[in-house]
């Protein structure tokens, strides 16, 4: 079963919107701030290949991405449940 182009575009737009909200306005700001600070510390020196700062930044980035993916999943689940509920709700037009 293929979905109409308008539906796919709507879902993709929603993903972009929710991603921006998660990254800029969500509760786990600590994970995002820690990643940003670790990234700045990483590039404070030129020799990054063997530095513990690189590993620290990589760990913080992984945590940040995990938070984003978790929030995207939960928001997608909520959106899907609302969509399913709206399909199951009695239509005013059918009466």
PDB file of N, CA and C in Angstrom:
ATOM      1  N   UNK A   1       0.841  -1.176   0.000  1.00  0.00           N
ATOM      2  CA  UNK A   1       0.000   0.000   0.000  1.00  0.00           C
ATOM      3  C   UNK A   1       0.884   1.236   0.000  1.00  0.00           C
ATOM      4  N   UNK A   2       0.646   2.122  -0.948  1.00  0.00           N
ATOM      5  CA  UNK A   2       1.421   3.361  -0.984  1.00  0.00           C
ATOM      6  C   UNK A   2       0.550   4.514  -0.495  1.00  0.00           C
ATOM      7  N   UNK A   3       1.215   5.468   0.109  1.00  0.00           N
ATOM      8  CA  UNK A   3       0.516   6.618   0.641  1.00  0.00           C
ATOM      9  C   UNK A   3       0.534   7.742  -0.387  1.00  0.00           C
ATOM     10  N   UNK A   4      -0.468   8.601  -0.379  1.00  0.00           N
ATOM     11  CA  UNK A   4      -0.471   9.747  -1.295  1.00  0.00           C
ATOM     12  C   UNK A   4       0.687  10.688  -0.983  1.00  0.00           C
ATOM     13  N   UNK A   5       1.136  11.398  -2.002  1.00  0.00           N
ATOM     14  CA  UNK A   5       2.278  12.308  -1.848  1.00  0.00           C
ATOM     15  C   UNK A   5       2.006  13.369  -0.778  1.00  0.00           C
ATOM     16  N   UNK A   6       0.784  13.886  -0.702  1.00  0.00           N
ATOM     17  CA  UNK A   6       0.467  14.919   0.280  1.00  0.00           C
ATOM     18  C   UNK A   6       0.619  14.388   1.700  1.00  0.00           C
ATOM     19  N   UNK A   7       0.283  13.108   1.895  1.00  0.00           N
ATOM     20  CA  UNK A   7       0.391  12.508   3.225  1.00  0.00           C
ATOM     21  C   UNK A   7       1.859  12.362   3.619  1.00  0.00           C
ATOM     22  N   UNK A   8       2.686  11.899   2.706  1.00  0.00           N
ATOM     23  CA  UNK A   8       4.122  11.730   2.971  1.00  0.00           C
ATOM     24  C   UNK A   8       4.761  13.087   3.271  1.00  0.00           C
ATOM     25  N   UNK A   9       4.409  14.110   2.489  1.00  0.00           N
ATOM     26  CA  UNK A   9       4.943  15.452   2.728  1.00  0.00           C
ATOM     27  C   UNK A   9       4.510  15.991   4.081  1.00  0.00           C
ATOM     28  N   UNK A  10       3.271  15.712   4.467  1.00  0.00           N
ATOM     29  CA  UNK A  10       2.769  16.158   5.763  1.00  0.00           C
ATOM     30  C   UNK A  10       3.534  15.491   6.897  1.00  0.00           C
ATOM     31  N   UNK A  11       3.755  14.192   6.798  1.00  0.00           N
ATOM     32  CA  UNK A  11       4.492  13.455   7.831  1.00  0.00           C
ATOM     33  C   UNK A  11       5.937  13.956   7.912  1.00  0.00           C
ATOM     34  N   UNK A  12       6.576  14.168   6.765  1.00  0.00           N
ATOM     35  CA  UNK A  12       7.953  14.671   6.763  1.00  0.00           C
ATOM     36  C   UNK A  12       8.030  16.069   7.380  1.00  0.00           C
ATOM     37  N   UNK A  13       7.052  16.912   7.065  1.00  0.00           N
ATOM     38  CA  UNK A  13       7.012  18.245   7.655  1.00  0.00           C
ATOM     39  C   UNK A  13       6.845  18.188   9.162  1.00  0.00           C
ATOM     40  N   UNK A  14       6.011  17.256   9.611  1.00  0.00           N
ATOM     41  CA  UNK A  14       5.805  17.085  11.056  1.00  0.00           C
ATOM     42  C   UNK A  14       7.097  16.629  11.733  1.00  0.00           C
ATOM     43  N   UNK A  15       7.849  15.740  11.091  1.00  0.00           N
ATOM     44  CA  UNK A  15       9.119  15.281  11.657  1.00  0.00           C
ATOM     45  C   UNK A  15      10.102  16.439  11.812  1.00  0.00           C
ATOM     46  N   UNK A  16      10.185  17.301  10.813  1.00  0.00           N
ATOM     47  CA  UNK A  16      11.080  18.458  10.881  1.00  0.00           C
ATOM     48  C   UNK A  16      10.647  19.390  12.015  1.00  0.00           C
ATOM     49  N   UNK A  17       9.350  19.626  12.096  1.00  0.00           N
ATOM     50  CA  UNK A  17       8.810  20.509  13.138  1.00  0.00           C
ATOM     51  C   UNK A  17       9.084  19.970  14.531  1.00  0.00           C
ATOM     52  N   UNK A  18       8.796  18.697  14.752  1.00  0.00           N
ATOM     53  CA  UNK A  18       8.993  18.089  16.072  1.00  0.00           C
ATOM     54  C   UNK A  18      10.476  18.024  16.420  1.00  0.00           C
ATOM     55  N   UNK A  19      11.327  17.731  15.443  1.00  0.00           N
ATOM     56  CA  UNK A  19      12.771  17.695  15.695  1.00  0.00           C
ATOM     57  C   UNK A  19      13.276  19.044  16.182  1.00  0.00           C
ATOM     58  N   UNK A  20      12.811  20.114  15.549  1.00  0.00           N
ATOM     59  CA  UNK A  20      13.232  21.451  15.954  1.00  0.00           C
ATOM     60  C   UNK A  20      12.750  21.767  17.365  1.00  0.00           C
ATOM     61  N   UNK A  21      11.525  21.395  17.672  1.00  0.00           N
ATOM     62  CA  UNK A  21      10.992  21.636  19.014  1.00  0.00           C
ATOM     63  C   UNK A  21      11.789  20.861  20.044  1.00  0.00           C
ATOM     64  N   UNK A  22      12.081  19.605  19.752  1.00  0.00           N
ATOM     65  CA  UNK A  22      12.825  18.771  20.695  1.00  0.00           C
ATOM     66  C   UNK A  22      14.205  19.351  20.957  1.00  0.00           C
ATOM     67  N   UNK A  23      14.887  19.765  19.892  1.00  0.00           N
ATOM     68  CA  UNK A  23      16.256  20.223  20.064  1.00  0.00           C
ATOM     69  C   UNK A  23      16.345  21.594  20.727  1.00  0.00           C
ATOM     70  N   UNK A  24      15.364  22.449  20.514  1.00  0.00           N
ATOM     71  CA  UNK A  24      15.477  23.815  21.006  1.00  0.00           C
ATOM     72  C   UNK A  24      14.611  24.142  22.217  1.00  0.00           C
ATOM     73  N   UNK A  25      13.597  23.342  22.505  1.00  0.00           N
ATOM     74  CA  UNK A  25      12.687  23.729  23.570  1.00  0.00           C
ATOM     75  C   UNK A  25      12.358  22.610  24.547  1.00  0.00           C
ATOM     76  N   UNK A  26      13.106  21.545  24.552  1.00  0.00           N
ATOM     77  CA  UNK A  26      12.722  20.416  25.395  1.00  0.00           C
ATOM     78  C   UNK A  26      13.395  20.444  26.751  1.00  0.00           C
ATOM     79  N   UNK A  27      12.921  19.593  27.627  1.00  0.00           N
ATOM     80  CA  UNK A  27      13.404  19.514  28.998  1.00  0.00           C
ATOM     81  C   UNK A  27      14.867  19.088  29.122  1.00  0.00           C
ATOM     82  N   UNK A  28      15.334  18.120  28.346  1.00  0.00           N
ATOM     83  CA  UNK A  28      16.709  17.634  28.579  1.00  0.00           C
ATOM     84  C   UNK A  28      17.775  18.583  28.050  1.00  0.00           C
ATOM     85  N   UNK A  29      17.653  19.853  28.393  1.00  0.00           N
ATOM     86  CA  UNK A  29      18.634  20.841  27.942  1.00  0.00           C
ATOM     87  C   UNK A  29      20.043  20.491  28.412  1.00  0.00           C
ATOM     88  N   UNK A  30      20.150  19.820  29.548  1.00  0.00           N
ATOM     89  CA  UNK A  30      21.468  19.467  30.069  1.00  0.00           C
ATOM     90  C   UNK A  30      22.245  18.627  29.069  1.00  0.00           C
ATOM     91  N   UNK A  31      21.583  17.631  28.465  1.00  0.00           N
ATOM     92  CA  UNK A  31      22.259  16.778  27.485  1.00  0.00           C
ATOM     93  C   UNK A  31      22.735  17.601  26.295  1.00  0.00           C
ATOM     94  N   UNK A  32      21.918  18.543  25.844  1.00  0.00           N
ATOM     95  CA  UNK A  32      22.296  19.373  24.699  1.00  0.00           C
ATOM     96  C   UNK A  32      23.422  20.334  25.064  1.00  0.00           C
ATOM     97  N   UNK A  33      23.329  20.930  26.247  1.00  0.00           N
ATOM     98  CA  UNK A  33      24.371  21.855  26.681  1.00  0.00           C
ATOM     99  C   UNK A  33      25.696  21.146  26.902  1.00  0.00           C
ATOM    100  N   UNK A  34      25.656  19.960  27.489  1.00  0.00           N
ATOM    101  CA  UNK A  34      26.882  19.190  27.706  1.00  0.00           C
ATOM    102  C   UNK A  34      27.536  18.833  26.382  1.00  0.00           C
ATOM    103  N   UNK A  35      26.727  18.458  25.401  1.00  0.00           N
ATOM    104  CA  UNK A  35      27.274  18.113  24.077  1.00  0.00           C
ATOM    105  C   UNK A  35      27.923  19.329  23.444  1.00  0.00           C
ATOM    106  N   UNK A  36      27.270  20.467  23.531  1.00  0.00           N
ATOM    107  CA  UNK A  36      27.805  21.700  22.942  1.00  0.00           C
ATOM    108  C   UNK A  36      29.132  22.087  23.593  1.00  0.00           C
ATOM    109  N   UNK A  37      29.201  22.016  24.939  1.00  0.00           N
ATOM    110  CA  UNK A  37      30.431  22.360  25.649  1.00  0.00           C
ATOM    111  C   UNK A  37      31.557  21.370  25.324  1.00  0.00           C
ATOM    112  N   UNK A  38      31.218  20.101  25.234  1.00  0.00           N
ATOM    113  CA  UNK A  38      32.222  19.095  24.893  1.00  0.00           C
ATOM    114  C   UNK A  38      32.750  19.327  23.475  1.00  0.00           C
ATOM    115  N   UNK A  39      31.875  19.753  22.564  1.00  0.00           N
ATOM    116  CA  UNK A  39      32.291  20.043  21.191  1.00  0.00           C
ATOM    117  C   UNK A  39      33.242  21.237  21.167  1.00  0.00           C
ATOM    118  N   UNK A  40      32.933  22.263  21.938  1.00  0.00           N
ATOM    119  CA  UNK A  40      33.817  23.438  22.009  1.00  0.00           C
ATOM    120  C   UNK A  40      35.183  23.065  22.581  1.00  0.00           C
ATOM    121  N   UNK A  41      35.181  22.248  23.626  1.00  0.00           N
ATOM    122  CA  UNK A  41      36.444  21.811  24.229  1.00  0.00           C
ATOM    123  C   UNK A  41      37.248  20.962  23.254  1.00  0.00           C
ATOM    124  N   UNK A  42      36.551  20.209  22.439  1.00  0.00           N
ATOM    125  CA  UNK A  42      37.204  19.359  21.447  1.00  0.00           C
ATOM    126  C   UNK A  42      38.067  20.180  20.495  1.00  0.00           C
ATOM    127  N   UNK A  43      37.538  21.285  20.023  1.00  0.00           N
ATOM    128  CA  UNK A  43      38.254  22.083  19.047  1.00  0.00           C
ATOM    129  C   UNK A  43      39.084  23.204  19.669  1.00  0.00           C
ATOM    130  N   UNK A  44      39.248  23.168  20.975  1.00  0.00           N
ATOM    131  CA  UNK A  44      40.105  24.144  21.638  1.00  0.00           C
ATOM    132  C   UNK A  44      41.571  23.879  21.300  1.00  0.00           C
ATOM    133  N   UNK A  45      41.881  22.640  20.962  1.00  0.00           N
ATOM    134  CA  UNK A  45      43.243  22.308  20.552  1.00  0.00           C
ATOM    135  C   UNK A  45      43.213  21.759  19.137  1.00  0.00           C
ATOM    136  N   UNK A  46      44.314  21.799  18.453  1.00  0.00           N
ATOM    137  CA  UNK A  46      44.370  21.335  17.067  1.00  0.00           C
ATOM    138  C   UNK A  46      44.519  19.820  16.954  1.00  0.00           C
ATOM    139  N   UNK A  47      45.186  19.177  17.901  1.00  0.00           N
ATOM    140  CA  UNK A  47      45.431  17.737  17.830  1.00  0.00           C
ATOM    141  C   UNK A  47      44.297  17.002  18.540  1.00  0.00           C
ATOM    142  N   UNK A  48      43.240  16.670  17.799  1.00  0.00           N
ATOM    143  CA  UNK A  48      42.067  16.064  18.419  1.00  0.00           C
ATOM    144  C   UNK A  48      42.034  14.547  18.328  1.00  0.00           C
ATOM    145  N   UNK A  49      42.875  13.957  17.523  1.00  0.00           N
ATOM    146  CA  UNK A  49      42.786  12.521  17.265  1.00  0.00           C
ATOM    147  C   UNK A  49      42.987  11.678  18.519  1.00  0.00           C
ATOM    148  N   UNK A  50      43.859  12.088  19.403  1.00  0.00           N
ATOM    149  CA  UNK A  50      44.176  11.263  20.575  1.00  0.00           C
ATOM    150  C   UNK A  50      43.734  11.902  21.884  1.00  0.00           C
ATOM    151  N   UNK A  51      42.903  12.856  21.830  1.00  0.00           N
ATOM    152  CA  UNK A  51      42.513  13.594  23.025  1.00  0.00           C
ATOM    153  C   UNK A  51      41.298  12.976  23.706  1.00  0.00           C
ATOM    154  N   UNK A  52      41.260  12.994  25.030  1.00  0.00           N
ATOM    155  CA  UNK A  52      40.067  12.529  25.746  1.00  0.00           C
ATOM    156  C   UNK A  52      38.869  13.450  25.516  1.00  0.00           C
ATOM    157  N   UNK A  53      39.121  14.703  25.115  1.00  0.00           N
ATOM    158  CA  UNK A  53      38.024  15.612  24.822  1.00  0.00           C
ATOM    159  C   UNK A  53      37.167  15.097  23.665  1.00  0.00           C
ATOM    160  N   UNK A  54      37.824  14.457  22.695  1.00  0.00           N
ATOM    161  CA  UNK A  54      37.083  13.911  21.564  1.00  0.00           C
ATOM    162  C   UNK A  54      36.143  12.805  22.027  1.00  0.00           C
ATOM    163  N   UNK A  55      36.642  11.919  22.854  1.00  0.00           N
ATOM    164  CA  UNK A  55      35.802  10.841  23.386  1.00  0.00           C
ATOM    165  C   UNK A  55      34.667  11.403  24.228  1.00  0.00           C
ATOM    166  N   UNK A  56      34.962  12.429  25.015  1.00  0.00           N
ATOM    167  CA  UNK A  56      33.936  13.057  25.840  1.00  0.00           C
ATOM    168  C   UNK A  56      32.841  13.657  24.959  1.00  0.00           C
ATOM    169  N   UNK A  57      33.236  14.404  23.926  1.00  0.00           N
ATOM    170  CA  UNK A  57      32.259  14.997  23.014  1.00  0.00           C
ATOM    171  C   UNK A  57      31.438  13.918  22.314  1.00  0.00           C
ATOM    172  N   UNK A  58      32.105  12.852  21.893  1.00  0.00           N
ATOM    173  CA  UNK A  58      31.411  11.759  21.209  1.00  0.00           C
ATOM    174  C   UNK A  58      30.358  11.130  22.125  1.00  0.00           C
ATOM    175  N   UNK A  59      30.681  10.938  23.389  1.00  0.00           N
ATOM    176  CA  UNK A  59      29.720  10.405  24.362  1.00  0.00           C
ATOM    177  C   UNK A  59      28.538  11.340  24.535  1.00  0.00           C
ATOM    178  N   UNK A  60      28.822  12.627  24.673  1.00  0.00           N
ATOM    179  CA  UNK A  60      27.745  13.608  24.863  1.00  0.00           C
ATOM    180  C   UNK A  60      26.853  13.685  23.618  1.00  0.00           C
ATOM    181  N   UNK A  61      27.450  13.598  22.438  1.00  0.00           N
ATOM    182  CA  UNK A  61      26.670  13.627  21.201  1.00  0.00           C
ATOM    183  C   UNK A  61      25.757  12.407  21.122  1.00  0.00           C
ATOM    184  N   UNK A  62      26.257  11.269  21.521  1.00  0.00           N
ATOM    185  CA  UNK A  62      25.450  10.045  21.516  1.00  0.00           C
ATOM    186  C   UNK A  62      24.242  10.173  22.442  1.00  0.00           C
ATOM    187  N   UNK A  63      24.457  10.744  23.615  1.00  0.00           N
ATOM    188  CA  UNK A  63      23.357  10.952  24.561  1.00  0.00           C
ATOM    189  C   UNK A  63      22.337  11.921  23.981  1.00  0.00           C
ATOM    190  N   UNK A  64      22.813  13.012  23.392  1.00  0.00           N
ATOM    191  CA  UNK A  64      21.925  14.005  22.782  1.00  0.00           C
ATOM    192  C   UNK A  64      21.076  13.354  21.690  1.00  0.00           C
ATOM    193  N   UNK A  65      21.695  12.578  20.821  1.00  0.00           N
ATOM    194  CA  UNK A  65      20.957  11.932  19.744  1.00  0.00           C
ATOM    195  C   UNK A  65      19.945  10.927  20.286  1.00  0.00           C
ATOM    196  N   UNK A  66      20.298  10.228  21.345  1.00  0.00           N
ATOM    197  CA  UNK A  66      19.362   9.289  21.964  1.00  0.00           C
ATOM    198  C   UNK A  66      18.130  10.008  22.495  1.00  0.00           C
ATOM    199  N   UNK A  67      18.347  11.163  23.105  1.00  0.00           N
ATOM    200  CA  UNK A  67      17.226  11.951  23.622  1.00  0.00           C
ATOM    201  C   UNK A  67      16.334  12.400  22.472  1.00  0.00           C
ATOM    202  N   UNK A  68      16.922  12.869  21.390  1.00  0.00           N
ATOM    203  CA  UNK A  68      16.138  13.316  20.233  1.00  0.00           C
ATOM    204  C   UNK A  68      15.333  12.164  19.658  1.00  0.00           C
ATOM    205  N   UNK A  69      15.972  11.013  19.460  1.00  0.00           N
ATOM    206  CA  UNK A  69      15.263   9.866  18.885  1.00  0.00           C
ATOM    207  C   UNK A  69      14.134   9.384  19.789  1.00  0.00           C
ATOM    208  N   UNK A  70      14.374   9.403  21.097  1.00  0.00           N
ATOM    209  CA  UNK A  70      13.328   8.996  22.033  1.00  0.00           C
ATOM    210  C   UNK A  70      12.142   9.939  21.960  1.00  0.00           C
ATOM    211  N   UNK A  71      12.411  11.235  21.933  1.00  0.00           N
ATOM    212  CA  UNK A  71      11.329  12.210  21.854  1.00  0.00           C
ATOM    213  C   UNK A  71      10.591  12.124  20.520  1.00  0.00           C
ATOM    214  N   UNK A  72      11.327  11.908  19.422  1.00  0.00           N
ATOM    215  CA  UNK A  72      10.678  11.740  18.121  1.00  0.00           C
ATOM    216  C   UNK A  72       9.758  10.528  18.126  1.00  0.00           C
ATOM    217  N   UNK A  73      10.232   9.442  18.703  1.00  0.00           N
ATOM    218  CA  UNK A  73       9.421   8.222  18.771  1.00  0.00           C
ATOM    219  C   UNK A  73       8.143   8.468  19.568  1.00  0.00           C
ATOM    220  N   UNK A  74       8.279   9.079  20.746  1.00  0.00           N
ATOM    221  CA  UNK A  74       7.114   9.319  21.583  1.00  0.00           C
ATOM    222  C   UNK A  74       6.123  10.271  20.917  1.00  0.00           C
ATOM    223  N   UNK A  75       6.642  11.326  20.270  1.00  0.00           N
ATOM    224  CA  UNK A  75       5.738  12.256  19.593  1.00  0.00           C
ATOM    225  C   UNK A  75       5.069  11.581  18.402  1.00  0.00           C
ATOM    226  N   UNK A  76       5.801  10.747  17.691  1.00  0.00           N
ATOM    227  CA  UNK A  76       5.212  10.001  16.579  1.00  0.00           C
ATOM    228  C   UNK A  76       4.124   9.053  17.060  1.00  0.00           C
ATOM    229  N   UNK A  77       4.358   8.438  18.201  1.00  0.00           N
ATOM    230  CA  UNK A  77       3.355   7.551  18.779  1.00  0.00           C
ATOM    231  C   UNK A  77       2.100   8.337  19.148  1.00  0.00           C
ATOM    232  N   UNK A  78       2.288   9.494  19.781  1.00  0.00           N
ATOM    233  CA  UNK A  78       1.138  10.336  20.139  1.00  0.00           C
ATOM    234  C   UNK A  78       0.381  10.794  18.890  1.00  0.00           C
ATOM    235  N   UNK A  79       1.127  11.254  17.881  1.00  0.00           N
ATOM    236  CA  UNK A  79       0.485  11.707  16.644  1.00  0.00           C
ATOM    237  C   UNK A  79      -0.275  10.561  15.975  1.00  0.00           C
ATOM    238  N   UNK A  80       0.322   9.375  15.964  1.00  0.00           N
ATOM    239  CA  UNK A  80      -0.332   8.215  15.370  1.00  0.00           C
ATOM    240  C   UNK A  80      -1.605   7.834  16.112  1.00  0.00           C
ATOM    241  N   UNK A  81      -1.562   7.917  17.434  1.00  0.00           N
ATOM    242  CA  UNK A  81      -2.753   7.597  18.218  1.00  0.00           C
ATOM    243  C   UNK A  81      -3.858   8.623  17.962  1.00  0.00           C
ATOM    244  N   UNK A  82      -3.494   9.895  17.842  1.00  0.00           N
ATOM    245  CA  UNK A  82      -4.491  10.919  17.537  1.00  0.00           C
ATOM    246  C   UNK A  82      -5.087  10.702  16.149  1.00  0.00           C
ATOM    247  N   UNK A  83      -4.251  10.329  15.199  1.00  0.00           N
ATOM    248  CA  UNK A  83      -4.724  10.066  13.846  1.00  0.00           C
ATOM    249  C   UNK A  83      -5.671   8.874  13.837  1.00  0.00           C
ATOM    250  N   UNK A  84      -5.297   7.796  14.518  1.00  0.00           N
ATOM    251  CA  UNK A  84      -6.159   6.612  14.586  1.00  0.00           C
ATOM    252  C   UNK A  84      -7.473   6.931  15.283  1.00  0.00           C
ATOM    253  N   UNK A  85      -7.400   7.729  16.340  1.00  0.00           N
ATOM    254  CA  UNK A  85      -8.614   8.103  17.064  1.00  0.00           C
ATOM    255  C   UNK A  85      -9.528   8.943  16.168  1.00  0.00           C
ATOM    256  N   UNK A  86      -8.949   9.826  15.373  1.00  0.00           N
ATOM    257  CA  UNK A  86      -9.780  10.661  14.504  1.00  0.00           C
ATOM    258  C   UNK A  86     -10.444   9.825  13.409  1.00  0.00           C
ATOM    259  N   UNK A  87      -9.797   8.764  12.956  1.00  0.00           N
ATOM    260  CA  UNK A  87     -10.406   7.875  11.967  1.00  0.00           C
ATOM    261  C   UNK A  87     -11.538   7.067  12.571  1.00  0.00           C
ATOM    262  N   UNK A  88     -11.441   6.764  13.860  1.00  0.00           N
ATOM    263  CA  UNK A  88     -12.454   5.951  14.527  1.00  0.00           C
ATOM    264  C   UNK A  88     -13.599   6.777  15.110  1.00  0.00           C
ATOM    265  N   UNK A  89     -13.418   8.090  15.194  1.00  0.00           N
ATOM    266  CA  UNK A  89     -14.464   8.947  15.757  1.00  0.00           C
ATOM    267  C   UNK A  89     -15.635   9.028  14.782  1.00  0.00           C
ATOM    268  N   UNK A  90     -16.839   9.089  15.305  1.00  0.00           N
ATOM    269  CA  UNK A  90     -18.003   9.216  14.411  1.00  0.00           C
ATOM    270  C   UNK A  90     -17.957  10.552  13.691  1.00  0.00           C
ATOM    271  N   UNK A  91     -18.225  10.529  12.426  1.00  0.00           N
ATOM    272  CA  UNK A  91     -18.191  11.727  11.607  1.00  0.00           C
ATOM    273  C   UNK A  91     -19.498  12.498  11.714  1.00  0.00           C
ATOM    274  N   UNK A  92     -19.381  13.800  11.792  1.00  0.00           N
ATOM    275  CA  UNK A  92     -20.568  14.659  11.818  1.00  0.00           C
ATOM    276  C   UNK A  92     -21.291  14.585  10.470  1.00  0.00           C
ATOM    277  N   UNK A  93     -20.533  14.406   9.404  1.00  0.00           N
ATOM    278  CA  UNK A  93     -21.096  14.358   8.062  1.00  0.00           C
ATOM    279  C   UNK A  93     -21.902  13.086   7.812  1.00  0.00           C
ATOM    280  N   UNK A  94     -21.586  12.012   8.538  1.00  0.00           N
ATOM    281  CA  UNK A  94     -22.275  10.747   8.282  1.00  0.00           C
ATOM    282  C   UNK A  94     -23.677  10.705   8.885  1.00  0.00           C
ATOM    283  N   UNK A  95     -23.981  11.654   9.744  1.00  0.00           N
ATOM    284  CA  UNK A  95     -25.306  11.665  10.377  1.00  0.00           C
ATOM    285  C   UNK A  95     -26.336  12.369   9.552  1.00  0.00           C
TER     286      UNK A  95
END
